[in-house]
Structure formats: structure tokens, C-alpha cells
């Protein structure tokens, strides 16, 4: 088991180094090998590796696989803020629209402070009940994300209690047909139990609060066309460290699904104060490839 994180890391590195060369071929590929769920119903890949929006996991599972099918997604994400750069590479596997297993590696470049922080996230999501399209209460899933910092010295220095931890979340998603001007609206709610500081990049727990917090995350997406969705997200955050406050995260996003194999997401981020540096805003771009 000790070799799994290294294997997943090498897999991501080699996969994404060649993604640009494969993009055009995949965009023009016939959707015959894709899953049978409708386009866009698997969302995109959020920054911790799960299927959802950019900031928050949703109740849906990765790709468009349904019962009796499976899907694999891979993604590369870049976010540029005023004083930081975040890069994320990840893969996710969906088995019969019942279980999602994911891995993501985050690297936060500290442009102003100097250095960088790296974190591995192993995720597991189980669909509990429902369907995003036809069930009256949508689809509900239970997930866990195990997070581990590579070097916890900075997190310890600012007061973090631990350098690894587990987020547990419950997510629900529902597509409302003909909801706004004849267009479909996707709504999502996530409740997360967490001790993570800045998503885990500054450790877990702290001198202000060591115990878990219950945080709410919400998002909406309006399908302007069957391929194009625009929306917004909001994510509450705990405030565990005394040296600097931690603000909630929010974004405005636009995602385009070329077909069931390729999607591209862009967003404007407002992440508030991070490690004492205020007004961290900037752009976000994420490419997802699905098989």
C-alpha cells in the first residue's frame, strides 16, 4: 500500500504531460465509448479530485457511466491568484454509477512568501440514493477525502495541530428542467465535516480550534445550451488558526462540454484572505478528459 501514492503521482505526471497532444483527437472522437448518462451530468473535477464544480464536490459521480458501466476521468487545473499559484492533477474512477475513487495532487506556489506546499488527496464517494435527472429529491452521495501534506513544517509553524486529516461530506444534486427561461438549472448542496486549514494546505486544526467544523457549500449552474453551463459556487471555511483569518471561497464559472470526453472550465475566483495576504482573487482554468 505504501507504493500506491507514488504510483498515482507518476501516473498523473505522465498522463498530463501528453494531454495537450491528445486533446484535438479526443474532441473529435465519436461518443460511442462514453457512458449512457446525459452530457454534463457528471459535472467537472473539483480541486480536491471529486466530481462536482471547481470548489465543491457534488452528489454526481465522475464521467457519464450508468449502472453496468464504468468511467475514468483525468484533469489538470491551474489557478492564478494575486500572491499564489495552485496546480492540481487528478484522476477519478466511476464504477457503475455507484462508487467513485479519486486521487489528486495539489501544489500551491507561494509567489510572494517564497517556496511551495504540496498535498495528496485520496477520495472515495458512494452514491446513496436517487438520480440527478428524474428522482424528485435528486442524487445524494457520501464522500471522504484523506489529505496529507508532503512537508508540514510551515503548517506546524503557523499553529496547525496535524499535517493530515479526513474531510467527510454529504452532497446532493438535482437538475431542474425548464427552470429559468426554458433552460435547465442544476443545484447542489454539500455539508462538510472538516478540520482543514485552507483546504488542508496549511494543515488541520489549530491553536484557535482543534475540533471539527460543519461547513456548507452550495452551487448553481444554468445550462444555456446542452453543452454550455454558467453558474456560481460558495464554500464556507473553518477558522482554526490564530495568526490569520480564513475567509469563505466563492467563484463565477463557465464550463463547456465539447462532448462526453472533453470539458473545459474557466472561473473567476475570490478566495479572500490566505495566510495573512488579503483579497486573493484571480483566474481558474481546468481541462477534463473522460473515457
Foldseek 3Di string as FASTA:
>chain_A
DVCVVVVQVVVQVVVVVCCVVCPVVQLPDDCPPFADAAPCQQAFAAQQWFGDYPPDHALWGHFRHAAPDKKKKWKWKWWDWPFKIKIKTKMWIGHRRFKIWMKMKIKIAGRPVGDIWIKIKTKIKGWDDADQEPDPQATKIKMKIKMAIPDQPQLVVQFAPFQIDMKIKMKGKHWDALPPVRWIKIKMKMKIWAQADVNRRSHGAGPQGRGIDIKMKIKMWTPPDSFKIKIKIKTADDAGTDQDGFGIKMKTKMKGHSDSFKIKMKIWIFRADDRRRGGTITIMIMIMGMD
